[in-house]
Amino acid sequence: MRRLWLMILTLLTLAQAEAASCRWPAWSQVQTHLLSEDGRMIDPSSPRQITTSEGQSYGLFFALVANDPASFARVLSWTQNNLAEGDLTRRLPAWLWGRADSGRWQVLDANNASDSDLWIAYSLLEAGRLWRREDYRRLGLELLWRSAAQTLRVLPGLGLMLLPGDIGFESAQGWRLNPSYLPPQLLARFAEESRIWAELEANTYQLLRRSAPRGLAPDWLLWQRSGQPAADPEYGHEGDYDAIRVYLWLGMLATDAPERAALLAHVAPMARLTAQRGAPPGRIDAATGQAQGQGPAGFSAALLPLLAAQAPAALSVQRQRLAQHAPEPTAYYGQMLRLFGEGWDQGWYRFDARGRLLPAWQEGSCPD
């Protein structure tokens, strides 16, 4: 029996060594240009050198995909200490941090961003499972339930829904929503913890359809107290930098995920527009279907999973465009979209039908 256990331990050690040898070049580039040594994801485009909870949440996810527990721990520590007053079990992370007009580095807006809360909770839960870290799993659950307590609402004609943040998204007219804040993979994973998230997942499918009658997603919308969607009071029907993530999340759904076929068919107009124009549109009107301009290379990266399912010829074109016109190393959002879309396209990770992360290193193999 002792010899058997020694053999098992040896095999596990070899598997871990093989996994550790995988180097994700795109993640290494982000670490060099955007991630500070103490774990802060920086957006250099802002004079205030801002950090958002979104950037921190993405940093956690990509560190997990890269099997980089040291970076994961640094990003988590910085997030907890600077955005959550030292305790993520008691406070949702503030969404904006940077240099104030006084020159002091501090929280600039203490409101939370619920999509970041979900990505942080997801990354913690999956790090707990994949790295066998019970402390991460417990912290993920604590954060998940705090997010639910503060930002879930029951909306007329829709049901249980997650607001984009705790403060500022409710009015006499209704509730402002952002479809890109609700990745179905994450909700499916949370449904493994509680049925309440399965209800939110089902309502999200409904929201994605009803907010995009022409199959083109808006950045924001107003859910009226009458129970119907309407144009957002600030951005109207515009869809660009936020909405591009809707196609990204749906394109990355597992082939056997519930509703995948119907949802991909619904957003097929974006794949067709990209194929016709040679590049993703820079901006669309979700109500009329009118497209304008040419989106940046990050948009091409975000659409790779969708094009893989619907337009193989356009997929090749966008791969080439991304290779020839890659986002600048210091372009925060472009690099995030690249890590998501190109990382998936190159095989660094997948999601299963239950929303669980399937990183390449888990199988002991490295993408070509």
Protein backbone atom coordinates (compact mmCIF):
# COMPACT_ATOMS: atom_id res chain seq x y z
CA MET A 1 0.00 0.00 0.00
CA ARG A 2 2.83 2.38 0.90
CA ARG A 3 4.47 1.77 -2.49
CA LEU A 4 1.16 2.54 -4.21
CA TRP A 5 0.85 5.87 -2.40
CA LEU A 6 4.42 6.74 -3.32
CA MET A 7 3.67 6.03 -6.97
CA ILE A 8 0.57 8.23 -6.84
CA LEU A 9 2.49 11.06 -5.20
CA THR A 10 5.23 10.75 -7.80
CA LEU A 11 2.71 10.96 -10.63
CA LEU A 12 1.06 14.00 -9.06
CA THR A 13 4.42 15.69 -8.67
CA LEU A 14 5.30 15.02 -12.29
CA ALA A 15 1.93 16.37 -13.43
CA GLN A 16 2.42 19.53 -11.39
CA ALA A 17 5.91 20.00 -12.79
CA GLU A 18 4.60 19.65 -16.33
CA ALA A 19 1.79 22.11 -15.62
CA ALA A 20 4.22 24.59 -14.10
CA SER A 21 6.33 24.48 -17.27
CA CYS A 22 3.49 25.98 -19.34
CA ARG A 23 4.24 29.64 -19.99
CA TRP A 24 1.42 31.77 -21.37
CA PRO A 25 3.21 34.54 -23.31
CA ALA A 26 0.21 36.90 -23.34
CA TRP A 27 -0.13 36.67 -19.55
CA SER A 28 3.61 37.28 -19.14
CA GLN A 29 3.28 40.42 -21.28
CA VAL A 30 0.44 41.72 -19.12
CA GLN A 31 2.48 41.04 -16.00
CA THR A 32 5.34 43.07 -17.44
CA HIS A 33 3.34 46.08 -18.62
CA LEU A 34 0.16 46.28 -16.54
CA LEU A 35 0.53 44.34 -13.29
CA SER A 36 2.56 45.89 -10.47
CA GLU A 37 4.81 43.79 -8.28
CA ASP A 38 2.38 44.08 -5.38
CA GLY A 39 -0.60 42.87 -7.43
CA ARG A 40 -2.30 45.98 -8.83
CA MET A 41 -3.64 45.92 -12.40
CA ILE A 42 -2.98 49.41 -13.74
CA ASP A 43 -4.76 51.25 -16.56
CA PRO A 44 -2.00 53.58 -17.85
CA SER A 45 -4.40 55.42 -20.20
CA SER A 46 -5.73 57.42 -17.26
CA PRO A 47 -3.68 60.30 -15.80
CA ARG A 48 -4.77 59.01 -12.40
CA GLN A 49 -3.21 55.60 -13.17
CA ILE A 50 -6.42 53.96 -12.07
CA THR A 51 -7.11 50.44 -10.95
CA THR A 52 -10.61 48.99 -11.16
CA SER A 53 -12.14 46.03 -9.39
CA GLU A 54 -12.75 44.71 -12.92
CA GLY A 55 -9.02 44.66 -13.62
CA GLN A 56 -8.32 42.92 -10.32
CA SER A 57 -11.01 40.32 -11.00
CA TYR A 58 -9.61 39.59 -14.46
CA GLY A 59 -6.10 39.38 -13.01
CA LEU A 60 -7.25 36.66 -10.62
CA PHE A 61 -8.91 34.70 -13.40
CA PHE A 62 -5.93 34.85 -15.75
CA ALA A 63 -3.50 33.92 -12.98
CA LEU A 64 -5.61 30.82 -12.37
CA VAL A 65 -5.70 29.97 -16.09
CA ALA A 66 -1.90 30.36 -16.16
CA ASN A 67 -1.45 28.18 -13.05
CA ASP A 68 0.28 31.11 -11.34
CA PRO A 69 -0.64 30.89 -7.64
CA ALA A 70 1.95 33.48 -6.61
CA SER A 71 0.44 36.19 -8.82
CA PHE A 72 -3.04 35.11 -7.77
CA ALA A 73 -2.14 35.60 -4.11
CA ARG A 74 -0.64 39.05 -4.78
CA VAL A 75 -3.64 40.27 -6.76
CA LEU A 76 -6.01 38.97 -4.10
CA SER A 77 -4.03 40.55 -1.27
CA TRP A 78 -3.89 43.96 -2.99
CA THR A 79 -7.60 43.81 -3.79
CA GLN A 80 -8.60 42.94 -0.24
CA ASN A 81 -6.29 45.47 1.42
CA ASN A 82 -7.00 48.43 -0.88
CA LEU A 83 -10.51 47.94 -2.26
CA ALA A 84 -12.25 46.12 0.62
CA GLU A 85 -10.76 47.79 3.70
CA GLY A 86 -8.81 44.62 4.44
CA ASP A 87 -11.73 42.17 4.52
CA LEU A 88 -13.64 40.82 1.50
CA THR A 89 -15.98 38.94 3.83
CA ARG A 90 -17.31 42.25 5.18
CA ARG A 91 -17.11 44.61 2.22
CA LEU A 92 -17.57 44.37 -1.53
CA PRO A 93 -14.55 45.83 -3.34
CA ALA A 94 -14.71 49.47 -4.39
CA TRP A 95 -14.74 49.69 -8.15
CA LEU A 96 -12.27 52.59 -8.62
CA TRP A 97 -8.89 53.37 -7.03
CA GLY A 98 -6.15 55.76 -8.14
CA ARG A 99 -4.42 59.06 -7.60
CA ALA A 100 -6.75 61.78 -6.29
CA ASP A 101 -6.42 65.47 -7.17
CA SER A 102 -4.58 65.90 -3.87
CA GLY A 103 -1.91 63.50 -5.12
CA ARG A 104 -2.92 60.82 -2.63
CA TRP A 105 -3.48 57.23 -3.77
CA GLN A 106 -6.89 56.10 -2.56
CA VAL A 107 -10.36 54.77 -3.37
CA LEU A 108 -11.93 57.23 -5.81
CA ASP A 109 -15.41 55.66 -5.87
CA ALA A 110 -16.49 53.25 -3.14
CA ASN A 111 -19.46 51.80 -5.01
CA ASN A 112 -19.08 48.17 -6.08
CA ALA A 113 -19.26 46.73 -9.62
CA SER A 114 -21.23 43.50 -9.51
CA ASP A 115 -19.55 41.91 -12.53
CA SER A 116 -16.21 42.24 -10.80
CA ASP A 117 -17.68 40.79 -7.62
CA LEU A 118 -18.85 37.76 -9.59
CA TRP A 119 -15.51 37.25 -11.35
CA ILE A 120 -13.62 37.48 -8.06
CA ALA A 121 -15.99 35.03 -6.38
CA TYR A 122 -15.77 32.66 -9.36
CA SER A 123 -11.97 32.75 -9.46
CA LEU A 124 -11.80 32.06 -5.73
CA LEU A 125 -14.22 29.13 -5.95
CA GLU A 126 -12.37 27.61 -8.89
CA ALA A 127 -8.95 28.24 -7.34
CA GLY A 128 -10.23 26.44 -4.28
CA ARG A 129 -11.29 23.48 -6.40
CA LEU A 130 -8.31 23.32 -8.78
CA TRP A 131 -5.57 24.15 -6.29
CA ARG A 132 -7.29 22.43 -3.35
CA ARG A 133 -7.41 25.63 -1.31
CA GLU A 134 -10.32 25.51 1.11
CA ASP A 135 -9.58 29.07 2.28
CA TYR A 136 -10.12 30.37 -1.25
CA ARG A 137 -13.36 28.42 -1.59
CA ARG A 138 -14.74 29.81 1.68
CA LEU A 139 -13.79 33.37 0.77
CA GLY A 140 -15.43 32.98 -2.65
CA LEU A 141 -18.68 31.86 -1.04
CA GLU A 142 -18.61 34.74 1.45
CA LEU A 143 -18.12 37.25 -1.34
CA LEU A 144 -20.79 35.64 -3.51
CA TRP A 145 -23.43 35.86 -0.80
CA ARG A 146 -22.51 39.43 0.10
CA SER A 147 -22.94 40.37 -3.56
CA ALA A 148 -26.33 38.66 -3.60
CA ALA A 149 -27.47 40.42 -0.44
CA GLN A 150 -26.55 43.86 -1.74
CA THR A 151 -27.28 43.79 -5.47
CA LEU A 152 -30.01 41.23 -6.25
CA ARG A 153 -33.50 42.61 -6.92
CA VAL A 154 -36.78 41.18 -8.19
CA LEU A 155 -37.80 43.11 -11.31
CA PRO A 156 -41.32 43.13 -12.78
CA GLY A 157 -41.64 41.03 -15.92
CA LEU A 158 -38.16 39.56 -15.44
CA GLY A 159 -37.75 38.20 -11.92
CA LEU A 160 -34.56 37.96 -9.93
CA MET A 161 -31.81 40.11 -11.44
CA LEU A 162 -28.40 41.45 -10.47
CA LEU A 163 -27.96 45.22 -10.59
CA PRO A 164 -24.62 46.59 -11.84
CA GLY A 165 -23.85 47.97 -8.38
CA ASP A 166 -25.26 48.64 -4.96
CA ILE A 167 -25.96 52.35 -5.44
CA GLY A 168 -27.24 54.46 -8.34
CA PHE A 169 -29.05 51.98 -10.57
CA GLU A 170 -32.65 52.35 -9.35
CA SER A 171 -34.96 55.26 -10.19
CA ALA A 172 -38.63 56.10 -10.52
CA GLN A 173 -38.42 54.93 -14.14
CA GLY A 174 -36.89 51.54 -13.38
CA TRP A 175 -33.50 49.83 -13.15
CA ARG A 176 -30.41 50.29 -15.29
CA LEU A 177 -28.86 46.99 -16.35
CA ASN A 178 -25.72 45.93 -18.20
CA PRO A 179 -26.04 42.57 -20.04
CA SER A 180 -22.25 42.09 -20.15
CA TYR A 181 -22.17 41.95 -16.35
CA LEU A 182 -23.79 38.50 -16.38
CA PRO A 183 -21.55 35.79 -17.91
CA PRO A 184 -23.71 32.64 -18.08
CA GLN A 185 -20.72 30.41 -17.27
CA LEU A 186 -20.30 32.07 -13.91
CA LEU A 187 -23.98 31.84 -13.06
CA ALA A 188 -23.99 28.15 -13.99
CA ARG A 189 -21.07 27.57 -11.63
CA PHE A 190 -22.78 29.47 -8.82
CA ALA A 191 -25.90 27.38 -9.39
CA GLU A 192 -23.83 24.46 -8.08
CA GLU A 193 -23.80 26.31 -4.75
CA SER A 194 -27.44 27.47 -4.57
CA ARG A 195 -30.62 27.35 -6.67
CA ILE A 196 -30.96 31.12 -6.42
CA TRP A 197 -28.19 31.46 -9.00
CA ALA A 198 -29.90 29.00 -11.33
CA GLU A 199 -32.91 31.33 -11.25
CA LEU A 200 -30.69 34.28 -12.10
CA GLU A 201 -29.09 32.27 -14.91
CA ALA A 202 -32.50 31.55 -16.47
CA ASN A 203 -33.53 35.20 -16.16
CA THR A 204 -30.25 36.27 -17.74
CA TYR A 205 -31.05 34.22 -20.85
CA GLN A 206 -34.34 36.09 -21.05
CA LEU A 207 -32.61 39.44 -20.56
CA LEU A 208 -30.08 38.71 -23.31
CA ARG A 209 -32.88 38.02 -25.77
CA ARG A 210 -35.24 40.82 -24.82
CA SER A 211 -32.55 43.50 -24.64
CA ALA A 212 -31.29 42.63 -28.15
CA PRO A 213 -34.35 42.28 -30.43
CA ARG A 214 -32.11 42.36 -33.54
CA GLY A 215 -29.50 40.07 -32.02
CA LEU A 216 -27.16 42.98 -31.24
CA ALA A 217 -26.44 43.75 -27.61
CA PRO A 218 -26.60 47.23 -26.05
CA ASP A 219 -24.07 48.39 -23.49
CA TRP A 220 -26.81 49.44 -21.10
CA LEU A 221 -30.60 49.41 -20.93
CA LEU A 222 -33.41 50.57 -18.72
CA TRP A 223 -35.70 47.89 -17.33
CA GLN A 224 -38.94 49.79 -16.83
CA ARG A 225 -41.34 49.36 -13.95
CA SER A 226 -43.87 48.26 -16.55
CA GLY A 227 -41.74 45.14 -17.02
CA GLN A 228 -40.34 46.04 -20.45
CA PRO A 229 -36.82 46.98 -21.65
CA ALA A 230 -36.16 50.46 -23.01
CA ALA A 231 -33.26 52.64 -24.14
CA ASP A 232 -30.78 53.54 -21.45
CA PRO A 233 -31.27 57.17 -20.32
CA GLU A 234 -27.56 57.95 -20.79
CA TYR A 235 -26.33 55.77 -23.65
CA GLY A 236 -29.51 54.98 -25.54
CA HIS A 237 -29.29 51.80 -27.64
CA GLU A 238 -25.54 52.08 -28.21
CA GLY A 239 -23.44 48.93 -28.09
CA ASP A 240 -19.65 48.95 -28.14
CA TYR A 241 -17.08 48.56 -25.33
CA ASP A 242 -19.35 46.85 -22.81
CA ALA A 243 -21.53 44.93 -25.26
CA ILE A 244 -18.57 43.26 -26.99
CA ARG A 245 -18.25 41.05 -23.92
CA VAL A 246 -21.75 39.64 -24.39
CA TYR A 247 -20.62 37.93 -27.62
CA LEU A 248 -17.41 36.85 -25.89
CA TRP A 249 -19.19 35.11 -23.01
CA LEU A 250 -21.72 33.41 -25.29
CA GLY A 251 -19.05 32.26 -27.74
CA MET A 252 -17.18 30.54 -24.89
CA LEU A 253 -20.18 28.52 -23.68
CA ALA A 254 -19.55 24.79 -23.58
CA THR A 255 -20.94 22.95 -26.60
CA ASP A 256 -23.38 21.11 -24.34
CA ALA A 257 -24.35 24.13 -22.23
CA PRO A 258 -28.10 24.76 -21.88
CA GLU A 259 -29.47 27.39 -24.30
CA ARG A 260 -26.16 27.65 -26.18
CA ALA A 261 -27.57 26.90 -29.62
CA ALA A 262 -30.50 29.30 -29.19
CA LEU A 263 -28.34 32.10 -27.81
CA LEU A 264 -25.70 31.76 -30.53
CA ALA A 265 -28.42 31.82 -33.17
CA HIS A 266 -29.82 34.97 -31.57
CA VAL A 267 -26.51 36.90 -31.71
CA ALA A 268 -25.53 35.57 -35.16
CA PRO A 269 -26.00 39.08 -36.67
CA MET A 270 -22.74 40.19 -35.04
CA ALA A 271 -20.86 37.32 -36.68
CA ARG A 272 -22.41 38.21 -40.03
CA LEU A 273 -21.56 41.91 -39.67
CA THR A 274 -17.96 41.06 -38.84
CA ALA A 275 -17.68 38.73 -41.82
CA GLN A 276 -19.20 41.31 -44.19
CA ARG A 277 -17.12 44.25 -42.96
CA GLY A 278 -13.81 42.45 -42.46
CA ALA A 279 -13.64 43.62 -38.84
CA PRO A 280 -16.05 44.00 -35.92
CA PRO A 281 -18.05 47.23 -36.05
CA GLY A 282 -16.87 49.87 -33.65
CA ARG A 283 -20.40 50.80 -32.61
CA ILE A 284 -23.89 49.49 -33.26
CA ASP A 285 -27.42 50.71 -32.60
CA ALA A 286 -29.11 47.74 -30.94
CA ALA A 287 -32.56 49.03 -31.90
CA THR A 288 -31.99 49.63 -35.63
CA GLY A 289 -29.07 47.30 -36.31
CA GLN A 290 -27.04 50.14 -37.85
CA ALA A 291 -23.27 49.63 -37.54
CA GLN A 292 -20.56 52.29 -37.63
CA GLY A 293 -16.79 52.35 -37.83
CA GLN A 294 -14.28 49.65 -37.15
CA GLY A 295 -13.64 48.22 -33.73
CA PRO A 296 -10.12 47.93 -32.29
CA ALA A 297 -8.10 44.71 -32.38
CA GLY A 298 -9.38 43.82 -28.92
CA PHE A 299 -12.86 43.49 -30.42
CA SER A 300 -11.48 40.97 -32.92
CA ALA A 301 -10.05 38.96 -30.03
CA ALA A 302 -13.36 39.06 -28.17
CA LEU A 303 -15.23 37.66 -31.17
CA LEU A 304 -12.90 34.71 -31.87
CA PRO A 305 -14.98 32.20 -29.85
CA LEU A 306 -18.24 33.30 -31.52
CA LEU A 307 -16.70 33.17 -34.99
CA ALA A 308 -15.27 29.72 -34.26
CA ALA A 309 -18.85 28.51 -33.86
CA GLN A 310 -20.49 30.47 -36.66
CA ALA A 311 -18.08 31.82 -39.28
CA PRO A 312 -14.80 29.87 -39.75
CA ALA A 313 -13.69 32.04 -42.69
CA ALA A 314 -14.18 35.22 -40.66
CA LEU A 315 -12.36 33.57 -37.77
CA SER A 316 -9.21 33.26 -39.89
CA VAL A 317 -9.48 36.91 -40.94
CA GLN A 318 -9.80 38.15 -37.37
CA ARG A 319 -6.94 35.95 -36.17
CA GLN A 320 -4.76 37.54 -38.84
CA ARG A 321 -5.97 41.03 -37.94
CA LEU A 322 -5.15 40.44 -34.30
CA ALA A 323 -1.68 39.14 -35.18
CA GLN A 324 -0.93 42.13 -37.40
CA HIS A 325 -2.53 44.83 -35.23
CA ALA A 326 -2.32 43.51 -31.69
CA PRO A 327 -3.34 45.86 -28.87
CA GLU A 328 -0.51 47.94 -27.48
CA PRO A 329 1.13 46.24 -24.47
CA THR A 330 -0.13 49.07 -22.22
CA ALA A 331 -3.69 49.08 -23.62
CA TYR A 332 -5.47 47.71 -20.56
CA TYR A 333 -8.88 46.83 -21.98
CA GLY A 334 -7.54 45.58 -25.31
CA GLN A 335 -5.15 43.28 -23.49
CA MET A 336 -7.93 41.95 -21.27
CA LEU A 337 -10.09 41.12 -24.29
CA ARG A 338 -7.08 39.51 -25.94
CA LEU A 339 -6.37 37.27 -22.94
CA PHE A 340 -10.00 36.17 -22.85
CA GLY A 341 -10.64 35.66 -26.57
CA GLU A 342 -7.25 34.64 -27.92
CA GLY A 343 -6.52 32.62 -24.78
CA TRP A 344 -9.67 30.60 -25.38
CA ASP A 345 -8.97 30.33 -29.11
CA GLN A 346 -5.45 29.01 -28.48
CA GLY A 347 -6.73 26.41 -26.03
CA TRP A 348 -5.45 27.79 -22.73
CA TYR A 349 -8.84 27.18 -21.13
CA ARG A 350 -12.44 26.11 -21.62
CA PHE A 351 -15.61 26.05 -19.52
CA ASP A 352 -17.74 22.96 -19.08
CA ALA A 353 -21.56 22.91 -19.15
CA ARG A 354 -21.69 23.49 -15.39
CA GLY A 355 -19.49 26.56 -15.67
CA ARG A 356 -16.37 24.97 -14.22
CA LEU A 357 -13.01 26.15 -15.53
CA LEU A 358 -11.01 23.63 -17.57
CA PRO A 359 -7.46 25.04 -17.81
CA ALA A 360 -4.96 23.39 -20.12
CA TRP A 361 -2.53 22.83 -17.26
CA GLN A 362 -5.05 20.63 -15.46
CA GLU A 363 -4.50 18.06 -18.21
CA GLY A 364 -0.72 18.47 -17.97
CA SER A 365 -0.48 19.84 -21.50
CA CYS A 366 0.52 23.18 -23.01
CA PRO A 367 -1.16 24.78 -26.05
CA ASP A 368 1.01 24.97 -29.16
